[in-house]
Amino acid sequence: MKGVSLIVQEELPETGYAVIRCHDYAVVAKFGSFPDGCRALMYRRGDEISFVPLHPEDIVGTPTLFTQMLEKAGYRITHRFDTLHS
């Protein structure tokens, strides 16, 4: 964005970082530090962000992903609900 001036919709933090939404230049999140490593999980609560560094051997996925991987490996997935009946 060379030569373009942006009008940010709210005050930027004096230190740290901010995530700015492109279409309206609103600050949607603020965080104090950025992870040094190549990979990290980002968590957002309101306008605050935190990071959890990942090791090279860490695998990230949803329960659906793991279920699909097991099914492709030939496992049959059954859904079991632990419900107590009174």
PDB file of N, CA and C in Angstrom:
ATOM      1  N   MET A   1       0.841  -1.182   0.000  1.00  0.00           N
ATOM      2  CA  MET A   1       0.000   0.000   0.000  1.00  0.00           C
ATOM      3  C   MET A   1       0.878   1.235   0.000  1.00  0.00           C
ATOM      4  N   LYS A   2       1.785   1.266  -0.875  1.00  0.00           N
ATOM      5  CA  LYS A   2       2.736   2.356  -0.964  1.00  0.00           C
ATOM      6  C   LYS A   2       2.026   3.655  -1.345  1.00  0.00           C
ATOM      7  N   GLY A   3       2.278   4.694  -0.576  1.00  0.00           N
ATOM      8  CA  GLY A   3       1.721   5.998  -0.887  1.00  0.00           C
ATOM      9  C   GLY A   3       0.262   6.179  -0.495  1.00  0.00           C
ATOM     10  N   VAL A   4      -0.330   5.215   0.214  1.00  0.00           N
ATOM     11  CA  VAL A   4      -1.723   5.315   0.628  1.00  0.00           C
ATOM     12  C   VAL A   4      -1.752   5.596   2.119  1.00  0.00           C
ATOM     13  N   SER A   5      -2.535   6.605   2.523  1.00  0.00           N
ATOM     14  CA  SER A   5      -2.664   6.867   3.956  1.00  0.00           C
ATOM     15  C   SER A   5      -3.951   6.228   4.446  1.00  0.00           C
ATOM     16  N   LEU A   6      -3.864   5.581   5.603  1.00  0.00           N
ATOM     17  CA  LEU A   6      -5.002   4.887   6.177  1.00  0.00           C
ATOM     18  C   LEU A   6      -5.550   5.679   7.351  1.00  0.00           C
ATOM     19  N   ILE A   7      -6.852   5.688   7.489  1.00  0.00           N
ATOM     20  CA  ILE A   7      -7.473   6.298   8.655  1.00  0.00           C
ATOM     21  C   ILE A   7      -8.043   5.157   9.488  1.00  0.00           C
ATOM     22  N   VAL A   8      -7.315   4.805  10.544  1.00  0.00           N
ATOM     23  CA  VAL A   8      -7.721   3.716  11.422  1.00  0.00           C
ATOM     24  C   VAL A   8      -8.850   4.215  12.303  1.00  0.00           C
ATOM     25  N   GLN A   9      -9.880   3.352  12.490  1.00  0.00           N
ATOM     26  CA  GLN A   9     -11.108   3.757  13.172  1.00  0.00           C
ATOM     27  C   GLN A   9     -10.984   3.892  14.691  1.00  0.00           C
ATOM     28  N   GLU A  10      -9.907   3.407  15.280  1.00  0.00           N
ATOM     29  CA  GLU A  10      -9.728   3.563  16.728  1.00  0.00           C
ATOM     30  C   GLU A  10      -8.248   3.676  17.059  1.00  0.00           C
ATOM     31  N   GLU A  11      -7.976   3.994  18.291  1.00  0.00           N
ATOM     32  CA  GLU A  11      -6.608   4.201  18.765  1.00  0.00           C
ATOM     33  C   GLU A  11      -5.783   2.919  18.670  1.00  0.00           C
ATOM     34  N   LEU A  12      -4.591   3.047  18.141  1.00  0.00           N
ATOM     35  CA  LEU A  12      -3.669   1.909  18.096  1.00  0.00           C
ATOM     36  C   LEU A  12      -2.908   1.816  19.416  1.00  0.00           C
ATOM     37  N   PRO A  13      -2.521   0.609  19.816  1.00  0.00           N
ATOM     38  CA  PRO A  13      -1.744   0.490  21.052  1.00  0.00           C
ATOM     39  C   PRO A  13      -0.376   1.143  20.888  1.00  0.00           C
ATOM     40  N   GLU A  14       0.159   1.661  22.007  1.00  0.00           N
ATOM     41  CA  GLU A  14       1.470   2.316  21.941  1.00  0.00           C
ATOM     42  C   GLU A  14       2.587   1.313  21.709  1.00  0.00           C
ATOM     43  N   THR A  15       2.394   0.079  22.200  1.00  0.00           N
ATOM     44  CA  THR A  15       3.369  -0.984  21.969  1.00  0.00           C
ATOM     45  C   THR A  15       2.618  -2.224  21.502  1.00  0.00           C
ATOM     46  N   GLY A  16       3.337  -3.151  20.936  1.00  0.00           N
ATOM     47  CA  GLY A  16       2.715  -4.399  20.506  1.00  0.00           C
ATOM     48  C   GLY A  16       2.206  -4.316  19.075  1.00  0.00           C
ATOM     49  N   TYR A  17       1.120  -5.039  18.824  1.00  0.00           N
ATOM     50  CA  TYR A  17       0.600  -5.205  17.470  1.00  0.00           C
ATOM     51  C   TYR A  17      -0.904  -5.014  17.453  1.00  0.00           C
ATOM     52  N   ALA A  18      -1.444  -4.764  16.259  1.00  0.00           N
ATOM     53  CA  ALA A  18      -2.891  -4.675  16.071  1.00  0.00           C
ATOM     54  C   ALA A  18      -3.249  -5.343  14.749  1.00  0.00           C
ATOM     55  N   VAL A  19      -4.403  -6.004  14.730  1.00  0.00           N
ATOM     56  CA  VAL A  19      -4.946  -6.565  13.498  1.00  0.00           C
ATOM     57  C   VAL A  19      -6.005  -5.583  13.017  1.00  0.00           C
ATOM     58  N   ILE A  20      -5.842  -5.105  11.788  1.00  0.00           N
ATOM     59  CA  ILE A  20      -6.760  -4.110  11.236  1.00  0.00           C
ATOM     60  C   ILE A  20      -7.540  -4.729  10.083  1.00  0.00           C
ATOM     61  N   ARG A  21      -8.884  -4.645  10.151  1.00  0.00           N
ATOM     62  CA  ARG A  21      -9.744  -5.174   9.091  1.00  0.00           C
ATOM     63  C   ARG A  21      -9.619  -4.264   7.865  1.00  0.00           C
ATOM     64  N   CYS A  22      -9.401  -4.866   6.724  1.00  0.00           N
ATOM     65  CA  CYS A  22      -9.106  -4.111   5.503  1.00  0.00           C
ATOM     66  C   CYS A  22     -10.254  -3.225   5.022  1.00  0.00           C
ATOM     67  N   HIS A  23     -11.481  -3.705   5.037  1.00  0.00           N
ATOM     68  CA  HIS A  23     -12.549  -2.936   4.386  1.00  0.00           C
ATOM     69  C   HIS A  23     -12.946  -1.673   5.122  1.00  0.00           C
ATOM     70  N   ASP A  24     -12.764  -1.624   6.443  1.00  0.00           N
ATOM     71  CA  ASP A  24     -13.143  -0.397   7.164  1.00  0.00           C
ATOM     72  C   ASP A  24     -12.043   0.117   8.096  1.00  0.00           C
ATOM     73  N   TYR A  25     -10.885  -0.524   8.070  1.00  0.00           N
ATOM     74  CA  TYR A  25      -9.727  -0.131   8.884  1.00  0.00           C
ATOM     75  C   TYR A  25     -10.013  -0.119  10.379  1.00  0.00           C
ATOM     76  N   ALA A  26     -10.915  -0.988  10.804  1.00  0.00           N
ATOM     77  CA  ALA A  26     -11.207  -1.107  12.232  1.00  0.00           C
ATOM     78  C   ALA A  26     -10.178  -2.032  12.884  1.00  0.00           C
ATOM     79  N   VAL A  27      -9.772  -1.687  14.100  1.00  0.00           N
ATOM     80  CA  VAL A  27      -8.876  -2.547  14.863  1.00  0.00           C
ATOM     81  C   VAL A  27      -9.728  -3.665  15.452  1.00  0.00           C
ATOM     82  N   VAL A  28      -9.488  -4.900  15.003  1.00  0.00           N
ATOM     83  CA  VAL A  28     -10.299  -6.021  15.478  1.00  0.00           C
ATOM     84  C   VAL A  28      -9.608  -6.810  16.577  1.00  0.00           C
ATOM     85  N   ALA A  29      -8.307  -6.626  16.758  1.00  0.00           N
ATOM     86  CA  ALA A  29      -7.602  -7.339  17.820  1.00  0.00           C
ATOM     87  C   ALA A  29      -6.284  -6.642  18.112  1.00  0.00           C
ATOM     88  N   LYS A  30      -5.836  -6.806  19.362  1.00  0.00           N
ATOM     89  CA  LYS A  30      -4.551  -6.248  19.801  1.00  0.00           C
ATOM     90  C   LYS A  30      -3.781  -7.335  20.528  1.00  0.00           C
ATOM     91  N   PHE A  31      -2.472  -7.338  20.390  1.00  0.00           N
ATOM     92  CA  PHE A  31      -1.656  -8.298  21.133  1.00  0.00           C
ATOM     93  C   PHE A  31      -0.287  -7.712  21.391  1.00  0.00           C
ATOM     94  N   GLY A  32       0.313  -8.174  22.501  1.00  0.00           N
ATOM     95  CA  GLY A  32       1.553  -7.590  22.969  1.00  0.00           C
ATOM     96  C   GLY A  32       2.813  -8.119  22.324  1.00  0.00           C
ATOM     97  N   SER A  33       2.802  -9.381  21.924  1.00  0.00           N
ATOM     98  CA  SER A  33       4.023  -9.941  21.349  1.00  0.00           C
ATOM     99  C   SER A  33       3.666 -10.900  20.230  1.00  0.00           C
ATOM    100  N   PHE A  34       4.628 -11.134  19.377  1.00  0.00           N
ATOM    101  CA  PHE A  34       4.446 -12.014  18.236  1.00  0.00           C
ATOM    102  C   PHE A  34       5.378 -13.199  18.427  1.00  0.00           C
ATOM    103  N   PRO A  35       4.914 -14.433  18.154  1.00  0.00           N
ATOM    104  CA  PRO A  35       5.767 -15.603  18.401  1.00  0.00           C
ATOM    105  C   PRO A  35       7.007 -15.605  17.519  1.00  0.00           C
ATOM    106  N   ASP A  36       8.123 -16.069  18.094  1.00  0.00           N
ATOM    107  CA  ASP A  36       9.381 -16.127  17.354  1.00  0.00           C
ATOM    108  C   ASP A  36       9.432 -17.291  16.371  1.00  0.00           C
ATOM    109  N   GLY A  37       8.754 -18.376  16.701  1.00  0.00           N
ATOM    110  CA  GLY A  37       8.823 -19.574  15.869  1.00  0.00           C
ATOM    111  C   GLY A  37       8.058 -19.433  14.563  1.00  0.00           C
ATOM    112  N   CYS A  38       8.159 -20.470  13.751  1.00  0.00           N
ATOM    113  CA  CYS A  38       7.497 -20.473  12.452  1.00  0.00           C
ATOM    114  C   CYS A  38       6.010 -20.780  12.552  1.00  0.00           C
ATOM    115  N   ARG A  39       5.589 -21.525  13.601  1.00  0.00           N
ATOM    116  CA  ARG A  39       4.201 -21.956  13.708  1.00  0.00           C
ATOM    117  C   ARG A  39       3.655 -21.661  15.093  1.00  0.00           C
ATOM    118  N   ALA A  40       2.402 -21.198  15.117  1.00  0.00           N
ATOM    119  CA  ALA A  40       1.734 -20.937  16.388  1.00  0.00           C
ATOM    120  C   ALA A  40       0.229 -20.962  16.176  1.00  0.00           C
ATOM    121  N   LEU A  41      -0.496 -21.370  17.213  1.00  0.00           N
ATOM    122  CA  LEU A  41      -1.950 -21.259  17.199  1.00  0.00           C
ATOM    123  C   LEU A  41      -2.315 -19.888  17.745  1.00  0.00           C
ATOM    124  N   MET A  42      -3.286 -19.249  17.128  1.00  0.00           N
ATOM    125  CA  MET A  42      -3.734 -17.942  17.589  1.00  0.00           C
ATOM    126  C   MET A  42      -5.120 -18.103  18.201  1.00  0.00           C
ATOM    127  N   TYR A  43      -5.306 -17.569  19.402  1.00  0.00           N
ATOM    128  CA  TYR A  43      -6.591 -17.570  20.074  1.00  0.00           C
ATOM    129  C   TYR A  43      -7.061 -16.130  20.201  1.00  0.00           C
ATOM    130  N   ARG A  44      -8.350 -15.919  19.994  1.00  0.00           N
ATOM    131  CA  ARG A  44      -8.905 -14.566  20.101  1.00  0.00           C
ATOM    132  C   ARG A  44     -10.065 -14.576  21.079  1.00  0.00           C
ATOM    133  N   ARG A  45     -10.058 -13.643  22.015  1.00  0.00           N
ATOM    134  CA  ARG A  45     -11.162 -13.427  22.942  1.00  0.00           C
ATOM    135  C   ARG A  45     -11.466 -11.934  22.909  1.00  0.00           C
ATOM    136  N   GLY A  46     -12.576 -11.589  22.260  1.00  0.00           N
ATOM    137  CA  GLY A  46     -12.894 -10.169  22.093  1.00  0.00           C
ATOM    138  C   GLY A  46     -11.845  -9.521  21.214  1.00  0.00           C
ATOM    139  N   ASP A  47     -11.227  -8.462  21.718  1.00  0.00           N
ATOM    140  CA  ASP A  47     -10.185  -7.807  20.921  1.00  0.00           C
ATOM    141  C   ASP A  47      -8.772  -8.175  21.380  1.00  0.00           C
ATOM    142  N   GLU A  48      -8.662  -9.192  22.244  1.00  0.00           N
ATOM    143  CA  GLU A  48      -7.346  -9.642  22.700  1.00  0.00           C
ATOM    144  C   GLU A  48      -6.955 -10.940  22.002  1.00  0.00           C
ATOM    145  N   ILE A  49      -5.692 -11.039  21.614  1.00  0.00           N
ATOM    146  CA  ILE A  49      -5.168 -12.217  20.934  1.00  0.00           C
ATOM    147  C   ILE A  49      -4.006 -12.776  21.739  1.00  0.00           C
ATOM    148  N   SER A  50      -3.919 -14.115  21.771  1.00  0.00           N
ATOM    149  CA  SER A  50      -2.741 -14.749  22.362  1.00  0.00           C
ATOM    150  C   SER A  50      -2.284 -15.859  21.418  1.00  0.00           C
ATOM    151  N   PHE A  51      -1.038 -16.246  21.554  1.00  0.00           N
ATOM    152  CA  PHE A  51      -0.446 -17.263  20.700  1.00  0.00           C
ATOM    153  C   PHE A  51       0.116 -18.405  21.536  1.00  0.00           C
ATOM    154  N   VAL A  52       0.016 -19.616  21.005  1.00  0.00           N
ATOM    155  CA  VAL A  52       0.636 -20.791  21.607  1.00  0.00           C
ATOM    156  C   VAL A  52       1.607 -21.347  20.573  1.00  0.00           C
ATOM    157  N   PRO A  53       2.909 -21.334  20.872  1.00  0.00           N
ATOM    158  CA  PRO A  53       3.884 -21.850  19.899  1.00  0.00           C
ATOM    159  C   PRO A  53       3.678 -23.340  19.648  1.00  0.00           C
ATOM    160  N   LEU A  54       3.935 -23.783  18.437  1.00  0.00           N
ATOM    161  CA  LEU A  54       3.835 -25.195  18.068  1.00  0.00           C
ATOM    162  C   LEU A  54       5.221 -25.759  17.805  1.00  0.00           C
ATOM    163  N   HIS A  55       5.424 -26.997  18.222  1.00  0.00           N
ATOM    164  CA  HIS A  55       6.666 -27.705  17.913  1.00  0.00           C
ATOM    165  C   HIS A  55       6.566 -28.278  16.499  1.00  0.00           C
ATOM    166  N   PRO A  56       7.692 -28.552  15.861  1.00  0.00           N
ATOM    167  CA  PRO A  56       7.656 -29.111  14.499  1.00  0.00           C
ATOM    168  C   PRO A  56       6.840 -30.401  14.395  1.00  0.00           C
ATOM    169  N   GLU A  57       6.816 -31.210  15.463  1.00  0.00           N
ATOM    170  CA  GLU A  57       6.096 -32.483  15.410  1.00  0.00           C
ATOM    171  C   GLU A  57       4.608 -32.353  15.777  1.00  0.00           C
ATOM    172  N   ASP A  58       4.150 -31.182  16.191  1.00  0.00           N
ATOM    173  CA  ASP A  58       2.748 -30.987  16.564  1.00  0.00           C
ATOM    174  C   ASP A  58       1.846 -31.042  15.332  1.00  0.00           C
ATOM    175  N   ILE A  59       0.708 -31.707  15.495  1.00  0.00           N
ATOM    176  CA  ILE A  59      -0.303 -31.802  14.443  1.00  0.00           C
ATOM    177  C   ILE A  59      -1.559 -31.093  14.935  1.00  0.00           C
ATOM    178  N   VAL A  60      -2.113 -30.252  14.097  1.00  0.00           N
ATOM    179  CA  VAL A  60      -3.305 -29.494  14.458  1.00  0.00           C
ATOM    180  C   VAL A  60      -4.444 -29.922  13.547  1.00  0.00           C
ATOM    181  N   GLY A  61      -5.590 -30.212  14.129  1.00  0.00           N
ATOM    182  CA  GLY A  61      -6.751 -30.592  13.335  1.00  0.00           C
ATOM    183  C   GLY A  61      -8.005 -30.596  14.179  1.00  0.00           C
ATOM    184  N   THR A  62      -9.120 -30.652  13.514  1.00  0.00           N
ATOM    185  CA  THR A  62     -10.414 -30.701  14.186  1.00  0.00           C
ATOM    186  C   THR A  62     -10.789 -32.153  14.451  1.00  0.00           C
ATOM    187  N   PRO A  63     -11.740 -32.387  15.346  1.00  0.00           N
ATOM    188  CA  PRO A  63     -12.221 -33.763  15.539  1.00  0.00           C
ATOM    189  C   PRO A  63     -12.730 -34.377  14.225  1.00  0.00           C
ATOM    190  N   THR A  64     -13.355 -33.585  13.383  1.00  0.00           N
ATOM    191  CA  THR A  64     -13.831 -34.085  12.088  1.00  0.00           C
ATOM    192  C   THR A  64     -12.676 -34.579  11.239  1.00  0.00           C
ATOM    193  N   LEU A  65     -11.575 -33.849  11.220  1.00  0.00           N
ATOM    194  CA  LEU A  65     -10.398 -34.270  10.458  1.00  0.00           C
ATOM    195  C   LEU A  65      -9.903 -35.624  10.949  1.00  0.00           C
ATOM    196  N   PHE A  66      -9.770 -35.789  12.261  1.00  0.00           N
ATOM    197  CA  PHE A  66      -9.265 -37.048  12.805  1.00  0.00           C
ATOM    198  C   PHE A  66     -10.226 -38.201  12.522  1.00  0.00           C
ATOM    199  N   THR A  67     -11.531 -37.934  12.595  1.00  0.00           N
ATOM    200  CA  THR A  67     -12.524 -38.955  12.262  1.00  0.00           C
ATOM    201  C   THR A  67     -12.365 -39.383  10.805  1.00  0.00           C
ATOM    202  N   GLN A  68     -12.222 -38.412   9.902  1.00  0.00           N
ATOM    203  CA  GLN A  68     -12.054 -38.724   8.480  1.00  0.00           C
ATOM    204  C   GLN A  68     -10.767 -39.506   8.228  1.00  0.00           C
ATOM    205  N   MET A  69      -9.701 -39.174   8.931  1.00  0.00           N
ATOM    206  CA  MET A  69      -8.443 -39.901   8.775  1.00  0.00           C
ATOM    207  C   MET A  69      -8.607 -41.359   9.212  1.00  0.00           C
ATOM    208  N   LEU A  70      -9.288 -41.572  10.334  1.00  0.00           N
ATOM    209  CA  LEU A  70      -9.521 -42.937  10.818  1.00  0.00           C
ATOM    210  C   LEU A  70     -10.383 -43.728   9.840  1.00  0.00           C
ATOM    211  N   GLU A  71     -11.425 -43.085   9.297  1.00  0.00           N
ATOM    212  CA  GLU A  71     -12.291 -43.764   8.332  1.00  0.00           C
ATOM    213  C   GLU A  71     -11.515 -44.147   7.069  1.00  0.00           C
ATOM    214  N   LYS A  72     -10.663 -43.253   6.587  1.00  0.00           N
ATOM    215  CA  LYS A  72      -9.868 -43.556   5.392  1.00  0.00           C
ATOM    216  C   LYS A  72      -8.856 -44.666   5.657  1.00  0.00           C
ATOM    217  N   ALA A  73      -8.452 -44.818   6.921  1.00  0.00           N
ATOM    218  CA  ALA A  73      -7.520 -45.879   7.285  1.00  0.00           C
ATOM    219  C   ALA A  73      -8.245 -47.214   7.492  1.00  0.00           C
ATOM    220  N   GLY A  74      -9.582 -47.211   7.334  1.00  0.00           N
ATOM    221  CA  GLY A  74     -10.327 -48.451   7.433  1.00  0.00           C
ATOM    222  C   GLY A  74     -11.053 -48.686   8.741  1.00  0.00           C
ATOM    223  N   TYR A  75     -10.967 -47.753   9.657  1.00  0.00           N
ATOM    224  CA  TYR A  75     -11.672 -47.907  10.930  1.00  0.00           C
ATOM    225  C   TYR A  75     -13.136 -47.541  10.757  1.00  0.00           C
ATOM    226  N   ARG A  76     -13.991 -48.217  11.515  1.00  0.00           N
ATOM    227  CA  ARG A  76     -15.414 -47.887  11.513  1.00  0.00           C
ATOM    228  C   ARG A  76     -15.686 -47.040  12.746  1.00  0.00           C
ATOM    229  N   ILE A  77     -16.240 -45.873  12.546  1.00  0.00           N
ATOM    230  CA  ILE A  77     -16.478 -44.924  13.643  1.00  0.00           C
ATOM    231  C   ILE A  77     -17.917 -45.084  14.120  1.00  0.00           C
ATOM    232  N   THR A  78     -18.082 -45.301  15.416  1.00  0.00           N
ATOM    233  CA  THR A  78     -19.417 -45.338  16.004  1.00  0.00           C
ATOM    234  C   THR A  78     -19.521 -44.194  16.995  1.00  0.00           C
ATOM    235  N   HIS A  79     -20.683 -43.616  17.087  1.00  0.00           N
ATOM    236  CA  HIS A  79     -20.897 -42.507  17.999  1.00  0.00           C
ATOM    237  C   HIS A  79     -21.557 -43.045  19.257  1.00  0.00           C
ATOM    238  N   ARG A  80     -20.922 -42.823  20.375  1.00  0.00           N
ATOM    239  CA  ARG A  80     -21.423 -43.321  21.645  1.00  0.00           C
ATOM    240  C   ARG A  80     -21.703 -42.141  22.554  1.00  0.00           C
ATOM    241  N   PHE A  81     -22.865 -42.140  23.118  1.00  0.00           N
ATOM    242  CA  PHE A  81     -23.239 -41.072  24.046  1.00  0.00           C
ATOM    243  C   PHE A  81     -23.332 -41.648  25.439  1.00  0.00           C
ATOM    244  N   ASP A  82     -22.598 -41.076  26.354  1.00  0.00           N
ATOM    245  CA  ASP A  82     -22.645 -41.536  27.742  1.00  0.00           C
ATOM    246  C   ASP A  82     -23.735 -40.757  28.470  1.00  0.00           C
ATOM    247  N   THR A  83     -24.932 -41.313  28.447  1.00  0.00           N
ATOM    248  CA  THR A  83     -26.059 -40.655  29.083  1.00  0.00           C
ATOM    249  C   THR A  83     -26.615 -41.563  30.164  1.00  0.00           C
ATOM    250  N   LEU A  84     -26.783 -41.017  31.327  1.00  0.00           N
ATOM    251  CA  LEU A  84     -27.369 -41.800  32.415  1.00  0.00           C
ATOM    252  C   LEU A  84     -28.877 -41.701  32.354  1.00  0.00           C
ATOM    253  N   HIS A  85     -29.536 -42.832  32.413  1.00  0.00           N
ATOM    254  CA  HIS A  85     -30.981 -42.849  32.437  1.00  0.00           C
ATOM    255  C   HIS A  85     -31.434 -43.020  33.883  1.00  0.00           C
ATOM    256  N   SER A  86     -32.359 -42.178  34.308  1.00  0.00           N
ATOM    257  CA  SER A  86     -32.819 -42.305  35.689  1.00  0.00           C
ATOM    258  C   SER A  86     -34.141 -43.016  35.770  1.00  0.00           C
TER     259      SER A  86
END
